[in-house]
């Protein structure tokens, strides 16, 4: 069995994906989980690991949840910009 991907690797990959999608598409937590499982493979990446990686991104302030008819993961607004 392949070594599982670390939570740090997952959160960095998720952050990059959110950053690249900013202004183009809003990503749901499930979109990120599916993309990570596809990228790393289901044998290396679990839903639980993805949830922990998302939790770390939120707790660190690198990403925030927004709500527009559904929950989305986005970068926090920059200081001095309107929401």
N, C-alpha and C. Protein backbone atom coordinates (compact mmCIF):
# COMPACT_ATOMS: atom_id res chain seq x y z
N UNK A 1 0.84 -1.19 0.00
CA UNK A 1 0.00 0.00 0.00
C UNK A 1 0.89 1.25 0.00
N UNK A 2 0.48 2.25 -0.75
CA UNK A 2 1.23 3.50 -0.85
C UNK A 2 1.13 4.28 0.47
N UNK A 3 2.16 5.08 0.72
CA UNK A 3 2.13 5.92 1.92
C UNK A 3 1.01 6.95 1.82
N UNK A 4 0.26 7.14 2.90
CA UNK A 4 -0.79 8.16 2.85
C UNK A 4 -0.19 9.56 2.74
N UNK A 5 -0.90 10.41 2.05
CA UNK A 5 -0.47 11.80 1.89
C UNK A 5 -0.63 12.50 3.25
N UNK A 6 0.28 13.42 3.58
CA UNK A 6 0.18 14.11 4.87
C UNK A 6 -0.88 15.19 4.81
N UNK A 7 -1.37 15.57 5.97
CA UNK A 7 -2.37 16.62 6.08
C UNK A 7 -1.80 17.94 5.53
N UNK A 8 -0.50 18.18 5.80
CA UNK A 8 0.14 19.40 5.31
C UNK A 8 0.16 19.44 3.78
N UNK A 9 0.49 18.30 3.15
CA UNK A 9 0.48 18.23 1.69
C UNK A 9 -0.92 18.48 1.14
N UNK A 10 -1.91 17.88 1.78
CA UNK A 10 -3.29 18.06 1.36
C UNK A 10 -3.73 19.52 1.48
N UNK A 11 -3.44 20.13 2.61
CA UNK A 11 -3.88 21.51 2.80
C UNK A 11 -3.18 22.46 1.82
N UNK A 12 -1.91 22.21 1.52
CA UNK A 12 -1.19 23.04 0.54
C UNK A 12 -1.80 22.87 -0.86
N UNK A 13 -2.11 21.64 -1.23
CA UNK A 13 -2.71 21.38 -2.54
C UNK A 13 -4.09 22.03 -2.63
N UNK A 14 -4.86 21.94 -1.55
CA UNK A 14 -6.19 22.57 -1.52
C UNK A 14 -6.06 24.09 -1.63
N UNK A 15 -5.12 24.66 -0.89
CA UNK A 15 -4.91 26.11 -0.92
C UNK A 15 -4.57 26.56 -2.34
N UNK A 16 -3.66 25.85 -3.00
CA UNK A 16 -3.29 26.21 -4.38
C UNK A 16 -4.51 26.14 -5.30
N UNK A 17 -5.34 25.12 -5.12
CA UNK A 17 -6.52 24.96 -5.97
C UNK A 17 -7.50 26.12 -5.75
N UNK A 18 -7.72 26.49 -4.49
CA UNK A 18 -8.62 27.60 -4.17
C UNK A 18 -8.06 28.90 -4.74
N UNK A 19 -6.75 29.10 -4.60
CA UNK A 19 -6.11 30.32 -5.09
C UNK A 19 -6.25 30.42 -6.62
N UNK A 20 -6.03 29.31 -7.32
CA UNK A 20 -6.15 29.30 -8.78
C UNK A 20 -7.59 29.54 -9.24
N UNK A 21 -8.55 29.11 -8.46
CA UNK A 21 -9.96 29.24 -8.83
C UNK A 21 -10.55 30.60 -8.46
N UNK A 22 -9.84 31.38 -7.66
CA UNK A 22 -10.35 32.67 -7.21
C UNK A 22 -10.67 33.55 -8.41
N UNK A 23 -11.91 34.07 -8.43
CA UNK A 23 -12.36 34.92 -9.51
C UNK A 23 -12.85 34.16 -10.72
N UNK A 24 -12.64 32.87 -10.75
CA UNK A 24 -13.05 32.04 -11.89
C UNK A 24 -14.23 31.16 -11.51
N UNK A 25 -14.09 30.48 -10.37
CA UNK A 25 -15.10 29.52 -9.93
C UNK A 25 -15.08 29.43 -8.41
N UNK A 26 -16.24 29.26 -7.83
CA UNK A 26 -16.34 29.03 -6.39
C UNK A 26 -16.31 27.52 -6.15
N UNK A 27 -15.46 27.10 -5.23
CA UNK A 27 -15.31 25.67 -4.95
C UNK A 27 -16.01 25.29 -3.66
N UNK A 28 -16.74 24.19 -3.71
CA UNK A 28 -17.37 23.64 -2.51
C UNK A 28 -16.37 22.72 -1.83
N UNK A 29 -16.54 22.49 -0.53
CA UNK A 29 -15.66 21.54 0.16
C UNK A 29 -15.64 20.16 -0.51
N UNK A 30 -16.79 19.72 -1.02
CA UNK A 30 -16.82 18.41 -1.68
C UNK A 30 -16.03 18.43 -2.99
N UNK A 31 -16.02 19.58 -3.68
CA UNK A 31 -15.21 19.70 -4.91
C UNK A 31 -13.74 19.48 -4.58
N UNK A 32 -13.29 20.10 -3.50
CA UNK A 32 -11.89 19.96 -3.09
C UNK A 32 -11.57 18.53 -2.68
N UNK A 33 -12.45 17.92 -1.93
CA UNK A 33 -12.23 16.54 -1.48
C UNK A 33 -12.13 15.59 -2.68
N UNK A 34 -13.06 15.72 -3.62
CA UNK A 34 -13.05 14.86 -4.81
C UNK A 34 -11.78 15.08 -5.62
N UNK A 35 -11.38 16.34 -5.78
CA UNK A 35 -10.18 16.66 -6.56
C UNK A 35 -8.93 16.08 -5.90
N UNK A 36 -8.85 16.16 -4.58
CA UNK A 36 -7.68 15.63 -3.87
C UNK A 36 -7.63 14.11 -3.96
N UNK A 37 -8.78 13.47 -3.83
CA UNK A 37 -8.81 12.01 -3.92
C UNK A 37 -8.46 11.55 -5.33
N UNK A 38 -8.84 12.33 -6.32
CA UNK A 38 -8.50 12.00 -7.70
C UNK A 38 -7.01 12.25 -7.95
N UNK A 39 -6.49 13.35 -7.42
CA UNK A 39 -5.09 13.72 -7.63
C UNK A 39 -4.13 12.75 -6.94
N UNK A 40 -4.38 12.50 -5.66
CA UNK A 40 -3.48 11.64 -4.88
C UNK A 40 -3.85 10.16 -4.94
N UNK A 41 -5.09 9.88 -5.31
CA UNK A 41 -5.57 8.50 -5.35
C UNK A 41 -6.27 8.13 -4.05
N UNK A 42 -7.36 7.38 -4.14
CA UNK A 42 -8.13 7.03 -2.94
C UNK A 42 -7.36 6.17 -1.95
N UNK A 43 -6.32 5.48 -2.42
CA UNK A 43 -5.52 4.64 -1.50
C UNK A 43 -4.58 5.49 -0.65
N UNK A 44 -4.29 6.73 -1.08
CA UNK A 44 -3.40 7.63 -0.32
C UNK A 44 -4.14 8.75 0.39
N UNK A 45 -5.37 9.03 -0.03
CA UNK A 45 -6.10 10.20 0.46
C UNK A 45 -7.51 9.79 0.87
N UNK A 46 -7.87 10.05 2.12
CA UNK A 46 -9.21 9.70 2.61
C UNK A 46 -10.05 10.96 2.81
N UNK A 47 -11.36 10.77 2.90
CA UNK A 47 -12.27 11.89 3.16
C UNK A 47 -11.94 12.52 4.52
N UNK A 48 -11.59 11.69 5.50
CA UNK A 48 -11.27 12.20 6.82
C UNK A 48 -10.03 13.10 6.78
N UNK A 49 -9.03 12.68 6.00
CA UNK A 49 -7.82 13.50 5.87
C UNK A 49 -8.15 14.83 5.19
N UNK A 50 -9.02 14.80 4.20
CA UNK A 50 -9.43 16.04 3.52
C UNK A 50 -10.17 16.97 4.48
N UNK A 51 -11.03 16.40 5.32
CA UNK A 51 -11.74 17.22 6.30
C UNK A 51 -10.76 17.88 7.26
N UNK A 52 -9.76 17.14 7.70
CA UNK A 52 -8.76 17.70 8.60
C UNK A 52 -7.95 18.79 7.90
N UNK A 53 -7.60 18.58 6.64
CA UNK A 53 -6.84 19.59 5.89
C UNK A 53 -7.67 20.87 5.74
N UNK A 54 -8.96 20.72 5.44
CA UNK A 54 -9.84 21.89 5.35
C UNK A 54 -9.94 22.61 6.69
N UNK A 55 -10.06 21.84 7.75
CA UNK A 55 -10.16 22.42 9.10
C UNK A 55 -8.91 23.25 9.40
N UNK A 56 -7.74 22.73 9.03
CA UNK A 56 -6.50 23.46 9.28
C UNK A 56 -6.43 24.74 8.45
N UNK A 57 -6.91 24.69 7.21
CA UNK A 57 -6.93 25.90 6.38
C UNK A 57 -7.85 26.96 6.99
N UNK A 58 -8.98 26.54 7.52
CA UNK A 58 -9.93 27.48 8.14
C UNK A 58 -9.36 28.03 9.46
N UNK A 59 -8.82 27.14 10.28
CA UNK A 59 -8.28 27.56 11.58
C UNK A 59 -7.10 28.51 11.44
N UNK A 60 -6.31 28.32 10.38
CA UNK A 60 -5.14 29.18 10.17
C UNK A 60 -5.52 30.52 9.54
N UNK A 61 -6.74 30.62 9.00
CA UNK A 61 -7.18 31.85 8.36
C UNK A 61 -6.75 31.96 6.90
N UNK A 62 -6.13 30.93 6.37
CA UNK A 62 -5.70 30.98 4.96
C UNK A 62 -6.88 30.88 4.02
N UNK A 63 -7.95 30.24 4.45
CA UNK A 63 -9.19 30.13 3.69
C UNK A 63 -10.36 30.40 4.62
N UNK A 64 -11.50 30.75 4.02
CA UNK A 64 -12.72 30.99 4.80
C UNK A 64 -13.88 30.32 4.09
N UNK A 65 -14.91 29.99 4.87
CA UNK A 65 -16.15 29.52 4.29
C UNK A 65 -17.00 30.72 3.95
N UNK A 66 -17.63 30.70 2.78
CA UNK A 66 -18.61 31.72 2.42
C UNK A 66 -19.89 30.99 2.07
N UNK A 67 -20.98 31.73 2.08
CA UNK A 67 -22.27 31.11 1.81
C UNK A 67 -23.03 31.94 0.78
N UNK A 68 -23.30 31.37 -0.37
CA UNK A 68 -24.12 31.98 -1.41
C UNK A 68 -25.05 30.90 -1.95
N UNK A 69 -26.04 30.52 -1.15
CA UNK A 69 -26.93 29.44 -1.55
C UNK A 69 -26.29 28.07 -1.34
N UNK A 70 -25.11 28.04 -0.80
CA UNK A 70 -24.36 26.82 -0.50
C UNK A 70 -23.03 27.24 0.09
N UNK A 71 -22.34 26.33 0.74
CA UNK A 71 -21.05 26.65 1.36
C UNK A 71 -19.93 26.53 0.34
N UNK A 72 -19.05 27.52 0.34
CA UNK A 72 -17.90 27.54 -0.56
C UNK A 72 -16.64 27.84 0.23
N UNK A 73 -15.50 27.39 -0.30
CA UNK A 73 -14.20 27.66 0.30
C UNK A 73 -13.53 28.71 -0.56
N UNK A 74 -13.13 29.83 0.07
CA UNK A 74 -12.49 30.92 -0.66
C UNK A 74 -11.34 31.49 0.15
N UNK A 75 -10.52 32.31 -0.52
CA UNK A 75 -9.49 33.04 0.19
C UNK A 75 -10.18 34.17 0.96
N UNK A 76 -9.65 34.54 2.11
CA UNK A 76 -10.28 35.64 2.84
C UNK A 76 -10.13 36.95 2.06
N UNK A 77 -11.10 37.87 2.22
CA UNK A 77 -10.98 39.15 1.51
C UNK A 77 -9.76 39.92 2.00
N UNK A 78 -9.12 40.65 1.11
CA UNK A 78 -7.96 41.43 1.49
C UNK A 78 -8.43 42.66 2.28
N UNK A 79 -7.55 43.14 3.14
CA UNK A 79 -7.86 44.33 3.94
C UNK A 79 -8.17 45.49 3.01
N UNK A 80 -9.22 46.24 3.35
CA UNK A 80 -9.56 47.44 2.59
C UNK A 80 -10.41 47.21 1.37
N UNK A 81 -10.81 45.96 1.09
CA UNK A 81 -11.67 45.70 -0.05
C UNK A 81 -13.09 45.45 0.44
N UNK A 82 -14.05 45.81 -0.40
CA UNK A 82 -15.43 45.58 -0.04
C UNK A 82 -15.80 44.14 -0.28
N UNK A 83 -16.72 43.66 0.53
CA UNK A 83 -17.18 42.26 0.39
C UNK A 83 -18.39 42.25 -0.51
